[in-house]
Amino acid sequence: MVHLSGHMLALLLALLSGVLMAVQGTLNTALSKAVGLLEATFVVHITGTIGVVIALFVMKMGKGSLSAWSTAPWYAYLGGIIGVFIIYLVAASIPRVGVANATTAIIVGQVLTAIIIDHVGGFGMERAPCSWGQLLGLALLAAGAKLLLR
């Protein structure tokens, strides 16, 4: 049996998230071709809500407390609205440029934004100043993206 450190497990979970994001974008695109783009975004959120309701209230999988919702900062509630835009924009871009190209652009945008959020300690995150290595990594990622986009 392989023993994974907490750090390695977190990275593997993030990798799995990336895999699922590419699959989700493809599935959402297929749904949008059948029912329409905004309609697919709506259906995705409804089915996701049903899944979370089952996990929280039927399977009792929650570990937190919904009664503490008012203690979160106002901006923490923007995630749902941003999620609508993400689903819509991914499903809109994939048919035009393909799954690989859209995902590559998404990753470059994610890493750039993550570096900025870390650097400034945005949204209540602990500040992690940007390093030259990160900037070089971002430049190499962007260069690799350009090669993938050809």
C-alpha atoms as a PDB file:
ATOM      1  CA  MET A   1       0.000   0.000   0.000  1.00  0.00           C
ATOM      2  CA  VAL A   2       1.332   3.424  -0.957  1.00  0.00           C
ATOM      3  CA  HIS A   3       1.320   6.101   1.732  1.00  0.00           C
ATOM      4  CA  LEU A   4       0.740   9.600   0.391  1.00  0.00           C
ATOM      5  CA  SER A   5       1.707  12.725   2.282  1.00  0.00           C
ATOM      6  CA  GLY A   6      -1.007  15.315   2.805  1.00  0.00           C
ATOM      7  CA  HIS A   7       0.726  17.551   0.268  1.00  0.00           C
ATOM      8  CA  MET A   8       0.876  14.825  -2.396  1.00  0.00           C
ATOM      9  CA  LEU A   9      -2.737  13.819  -1.756  1.00  0.00           C
ATOM     10  CA  ALA A  10      -3.830  17.465  -2.179  1.00  0.00           C
ATOM     11  CA  LEU A  11      -1.956  17.650  -5.498  1.00  0.00           C
ATOM     12  CA  LEU A  12      -3.548  14.411  -6.705  1.00  0.00           C
ATOM     13  CA  LEU A  13      -6.986  15.734  -5.758  1.00  0.00           C
ATOM     14  CA  ALA A  14      -6.226  18.935  -7.700  1.00  0.00           C
ATOM     15  CA  LEU A  15      -5.128  16.827 -10.680  1.00  0.00           C
ATOM     16  CA  LEU A  16      -8.375  14.860 -10.486  1.00  0.00           C
ATOM     17  CA  SER A  17     -10.240  18.176 -10.384  1.00  0.00           C
ATOM     18  CA  GLY A  18      -8.530  19.185 -13.636  1.00  0.00           C
ATOM     19  CA  VAL A  19      -9.523  15.888 -15.242  1.00  0.00           C
ATOM     20  CA  LEU A  20     -13.117  16.357 -14.121  1.00  0.00           C
ATOM     21  CA  MET A  21     -13.164  19.967 -15.374  1.00  0.00           C
ATOM     22  CA  ALA A  22     -12.183  18.856 -18.877  1.00  0.00           C
ATOM     23  CA  VAL A  23     -14.843  16.121 -18.823  1.00  0.00           C
ATOM     24  CA  GLN A  24     -17.434  18.519 -17.386  1.00  0.00           C
ATOM     25  CA  GLY A  25     -16.759  21.108 -20.057  1.00  0.00           C
ATOM     26  CA  THR A  26     -17.230  18.498 -22.749  1.00  0.00           C
ATOM     27  CA  LEU A  27     -20.455  17.191 -21.192  1.00  0.00           C
ATOM     28  CA  ASN A  28     -21.816  20.718 -20.734  1.00  0.00           C
ATOM     29  CA  THR A  29     -21.036  21.468 -24.366  1.00  0.00           C
ATOM     30  CA  ALA A  30     -22.958  18.363 -25.473  1.00  0.00           C
ATOM     31  CA  LEU A  31     -25.896  19.413 -23.293  1.00  0.00           C
ATOM     32  CA  SER A  32     -25.797  22.966 -24.659  1.00  0.00           C
ATOM     33  CA  LYS A  33     -26.000  21.642 -28.224  1.00  0.00           C
ATOM     34  CA  ALA A  34     -29.204  19.834 -27.273  1.00  0.00           C
ATOM     35  CA  VAL A  35     -30.972  22.448 -25.132  1.00  0.00           C
ATOM     36  CA  GLY A  36     -29.125  25.746 -25.634  1.00  0.00           C
ATOM     37  CA  LEU A  37     -26.200  27.387 -23.867  1.00  0.00           C
ATOM     38  CA  LEU A  38     -27.934  29.308 -21.092  1.00  0.00           C
ATOM     39  CA  GLU A  39     -30.432  26.481 -20.664  1.00  0.00           C
ATOM     40  CA  ALA A  40     -27.580  23.995 -20.210  1.00  0.00           C
ATOM     41  CA  THR A  41     -26.005  26.273 -17.604  1.00  0.00           C
ATOM     42  CA  PHE A  42     -29.333  26.246 -15.738  1.00  0.00           C
ATOM     43  CA  VAL A  43     -29.704  22.450 -15.966  1.00  0.00           C
ATOM     44  CA  VAL A  44     -26.125  21.902 -14.774  1.00  0.00           C
ATOM     45  CA  HIS A  45     -26.740  24.035 -11.694  1.00  0.00           C
ATOM     46  CA  ILE A  46     -30.072  22.349 -10.930  1.00  0.00           C
ATOM     47  CA  THR A  47     -28.559  18.855 -11.183  1.00  0.00           C
ATOM     48  CA  GLY A  48     -25.573  19.980  -9.099  1.00  0.00           C
ATOM     49  CA  THR A  49     -27.912  21.412  -6.471  1.00  0.00           C
ATOM     50  CA  ILE A  50     -29.852  18.150  -6.334  1.00  0.00           C
ATOM     51  CA  GLY A  51     -26.582  16.261  -5.868  1.00  0.00           C
ATOM     52  CA  VAL A  52     -25.468  18.510  -3.017  1.00  0.00           C
ATOM     53  CA  VAL A  53     -28.896  18.325  -1.333  1.00  0.00           C
ATOM     54  CA  ILE A  54     -28.658  14.520  -1.405  1.00  0.00           C
ATOM     55  CA  ALA A  55     -25.076  14.558  -0.075  1.00  0.00           C
ATOM     56  CA  LEU A  56     -25.879  17.028   2.741  1.00  0.00           C
ATOM     57  CA  PHE A  57     -29.342  16.038   3.886  1.00  0.00           C
ATOM     58  CA  VAL A  58     -29.844  12.425   2.800  1.00  0.00           C
ATOM     59  CA  MET A  59     -26.328  11.015   3.127  1.00  0.00           C
ATOM     60  CA  LYS A  60     -25.335  13.400   5.968  1.00  0.00           C
ATOM     61  CA  MET A  61     -21.893  14.007   4.411  1.00  0.00           C
ATOM     62  CA  GLY A  62     -21.511  17.629   5.535  1.00  0.00           C
ATOM     63  CA  LYS A  63     -18.804  18.409   8.090  1.00  0.00           C
ATOM     64  CA  GLY A  64     -19.590  22.099   8.667  1.00  0.00           C
ATOM     65  CA  SER A  65     -22.547  24.137   9.790  1.00  0.00           C
ATOM     66  CA  LEU A  66     -24.965  25.867   7.427  1.00  0.00           C
ATOM     67  CA  SER A  67     -26.101  28.004  10.364  1.00  0.00           C
ATOM     68  CA  ALA A  68     -22.738  29.830  10.184  1.00  0.00           C
ATOM     69  CA  TRP A  69     -23.472  31.141   6.664  1.00  0.00           C
ATOM     70  CA  SER A  70     -23.720  34.740   7.865  1.00  0.00           C
ATOM     71  CA  THR A  71     -20.143  34.717   9.181  1.00  0.00           C
ATOM     72  CA  ALA A  72     -18.653  34.439   5.685  1.00  0.00           C
ATOM     73  CA  PRO A  73     -17.536  37.684   4.016  1.00  0.00           C
ATOM     74  CA  TRP A  74     -19.885  39.073   1.340  1.00  0.00           C
ATOM     75  CA  TYR A  75     -17.522  38.216  -1.510  1.00  0.00           C
ATOM     76  CA  ALA A  76     -17.536  34.528  -0.574  1.00  0.00           C
ATOM     77  CA  TYR A  77     -21.046  34.315  -2.045  1.00  0.00           C
ATOM     78  CA  LEU A  78     -19.900  35.376  -5.507  1.00  0.00           C
ATOM     79  CA  GLY A  79     -18.651  31.844  -6.242  1.00  0.00           C
ATOM     80  CA  GLY A  80     -22.076  30.668  -7.360  1.00  0.00           C
ATOM     81  CA  ILE A  81     -22.489  33.567  -9.760  1.00  0.00           C
ATOM     82  CA  ILE A  82     -18.960  33.064 -11.063  1.00  0.00           C
ATOM     83  CA  GLY A  83     -19.782  29.366 -11.515  1.00  0.00           C
ATOM     84  CA  VAL A  84     -22.625  30.304 -13.866  1.00  0.00           C
ATOM     85  CA  PHE A  85     -20.210  32.347 -15.985  1.00  0.00           C
ATOM     86  CA  ILE A  86     -17.605  29.556 -15.948  1.00  0.00           C
ATOM     87  CA  ILE A  87     -20.027  26.901 -17.146  1.00  0.00           C
ATOM     88  CA  TYR A  88     -21.450  29.196 -19.801  1.00  0.00           C
ATOM     89  CA  LEU A  89     -18.063  30.403 -21.088  1.00  0.00           C
ATOM     90  CA  VAL A  90     -16.480  26.936 -21.155  1.00  0.00           C
ATOM     91  CA  ALA A  91     -19.451  25.471 -23.019  1.00  0.00           C
ATOM     92  CA  ALA A  92     -19.336  28.422 -25.423  1.00  0.00           C
ATOM     93  CA  SER A  93     -15.599  28.145 -26.131  1.00  0.00           C
ATOM     94  CA  ILE A  94     -15.156  24.378 -26.550  1.00  0.00           C
ATOM     95  CA  PRO A  95     -17.189  24.041 -29.792  1.00  0.00           C
ATOM     96  CA  ARG A  96     -15.203  26.893 -31.356  1.00  0.00           C
ATOM     97  CA  VAL A  97     -11.644  25.931 -30.380  1.00  0.00           C
ATOM     98  CA  GLY A  98     -11.838  22.342 -29.091  1.00  0.00           C
ATOM     99  CA  VAL A  99     -11.454  20.814 -25.628  1.00  0.00           C
ATOM    100  CA  ALA A 100      -7.638  20.896 -25.535  1.00  0.00           C
ATOM    101  CA  ASN A 101      -7.326  24.505 -26.690  1.00  0.00           C
ATOM    102  CA  ALA A 102     -10.080  25.765 -24.388  1.00  0.00           C
ATOM    103  CA  THR A 103      -8.652  23.859 -21.425  1.00  0.00           C
ATOM    104  CA  THR A 104      -5.168  25.204 -22.133  1.00  0.00           C
ATOM    105  CA  ALA A 105      -6.453  28.781 -22.153  1.00  0.00           C
ATOM    106  CA  ILE A 106      -8.397  28.087 -18.956  1.00  0.00           C
ATOM    107  CA  ILE A 107      -5.295  26.760 -17.193  1.00  0.00           C
ATOM    108  CA  VAL A 108      -3.159  29.746 -18.202  1.00  0.00           C
ATOM    109  CA  GLY A 109      -5.884  32.083 -16.929  1.00  0.00           C
ATOM    110  CA  GLN A 110      -6.207  30.103 -13.696  1.00  0.00           C
ATOM    111  CA  VAL A 111      -2.487  30.102 -12.961  1.00  0.00           C
ATOM    112  CA  LEU A 112      -2.077  33.808 -13.738  1.00  0.00           C
ATOM    113  CA  THR A 113      -5.016  34.692 -11.497  1.00  0.00           C
ATOM    114  CA  ALA A 114      -3.843  32.321  -8.746  1.00  0.00           C
ATOM    115  CA  ILE A 115      -0.391  33.942  -8.715  1.00  0.00           C
ATOM    116  CA  ILE A 116      -1.987  37.372  -8.354  1.00  0.00           C
ATOM    117  CA  ILE A 117      -4.384  36.232  -5.600  1.00  0.00           C
ATOM    118  CA  ASP A 118      -1.509  34.584  -3.706  1.00  0.00           C
ATOM    119  CA  HIS A 119       0.734  37.615  -4.136  1.00  0.00           C
ATOM    120  CA  VAL A 120      -1.776  40.122  -2.767  1.00  0.00           C
ATOM    121  CA  GLY A 121      -3.443  37.758  -0.289  1.00  0.00           C
ATOM    122  CA  GLY A 122      -6.747  38.272  -2.066  1.00  0.00           C
ATOM    123  CA  PHE A 123     -10.111  37.174  -0.679  1.00  0.00           C
ATOM    124  CA  GLY A 124      -8.748  36.471   2.784  1.00  0.00           C
ATOM    125  CA  MET A 125      -6.049  34.052   1.640  1.00  0.00           C
ATOM    126  CA  GLU A 126      -2.654  34.061   3.298  1.00  0.00           C
ATOM    127  CA  ARG A 127      -0.232  36.214   1.298  1.00  0.00           C
ATOM    128  CA  ALA A 128       2.370  34.230  -0.676  1.00  0.00           C
ATOM    129  CA  PRO A 129       4.616  36.660  -2.586  1.00  0.00           C
ATOM    130  CA  CYS A 130       5.230  35.878  -6.235  1.00  0.00           C
ATOM    131  CA  SER A 131       8.667  34.505  -7.093  1.00  0.00           C
ATOM    132  CA  TRP A 132      10.711  34.743 -10.270  1.00  0.00           C
ATOM    133  CA  GLY A 133      10.359  30.974 -10.558  1.00  0.00           C
ATOM    134  CA  GLN A 134       6.582  31.294 -10.650  1.00  0.00           C
ATOM    135  CA  LEU A 135       6.783  33.983 -13.309  1.00  0.00           C
ATOM    136  CA  LEU A 136       9.154  31.827 -15.357  1.00  0.00           C
ATOM    137  CA  GLY A 137       6.809  28.856 -14.907  1.00  0.00           C
ATOM    138  CA  LEU A 138       3.882  30.971 -16.069  1.00  0.00           C
ATOM    139  CA  ALA A 139       5.872  32.151 -19.113  1.00  0.00           C
ATOM    140  CA  LEU A 140       6.770  28.531 -19.958  1.00  0.00           C
ATOM    141  CA  LEU A 141       3.151  27.489 -19.458  1.00  0.00           C
ATOM    142  CA  ALA A 142       2.011  30.264 -21.805  1.00  0.00           C
ATOM    143  CA  ALA A 143       4.684  29.240 -24.351  1.00  0.00           C
ATOM    144  CA  GLY A 144       3.494  25.635 -24.104  1.00  0.00           C
ATOM    145  CA  ALA A 145      -0.075  26.831 -24.542  1.00  0.00           C
ATOM    146  CA  LYS A 146       0.914  28.668 -27.699  1.00  0.00           C
ATOM    147  CA  LEU A 147       2.448  25.451 -29.052  1.00  0.00           C
ATOM    148  CA  LEU A 148      -0.709  23.501 -28.185  1.00  0.00           C
ATOM    149  CA  LEU A 149      -2.873  26.111 -29.888  1.00  0.00           C
ATOM    150  CA  ARG A 150      -1.088  25.691 -33.224  1.00  0.00           C
END
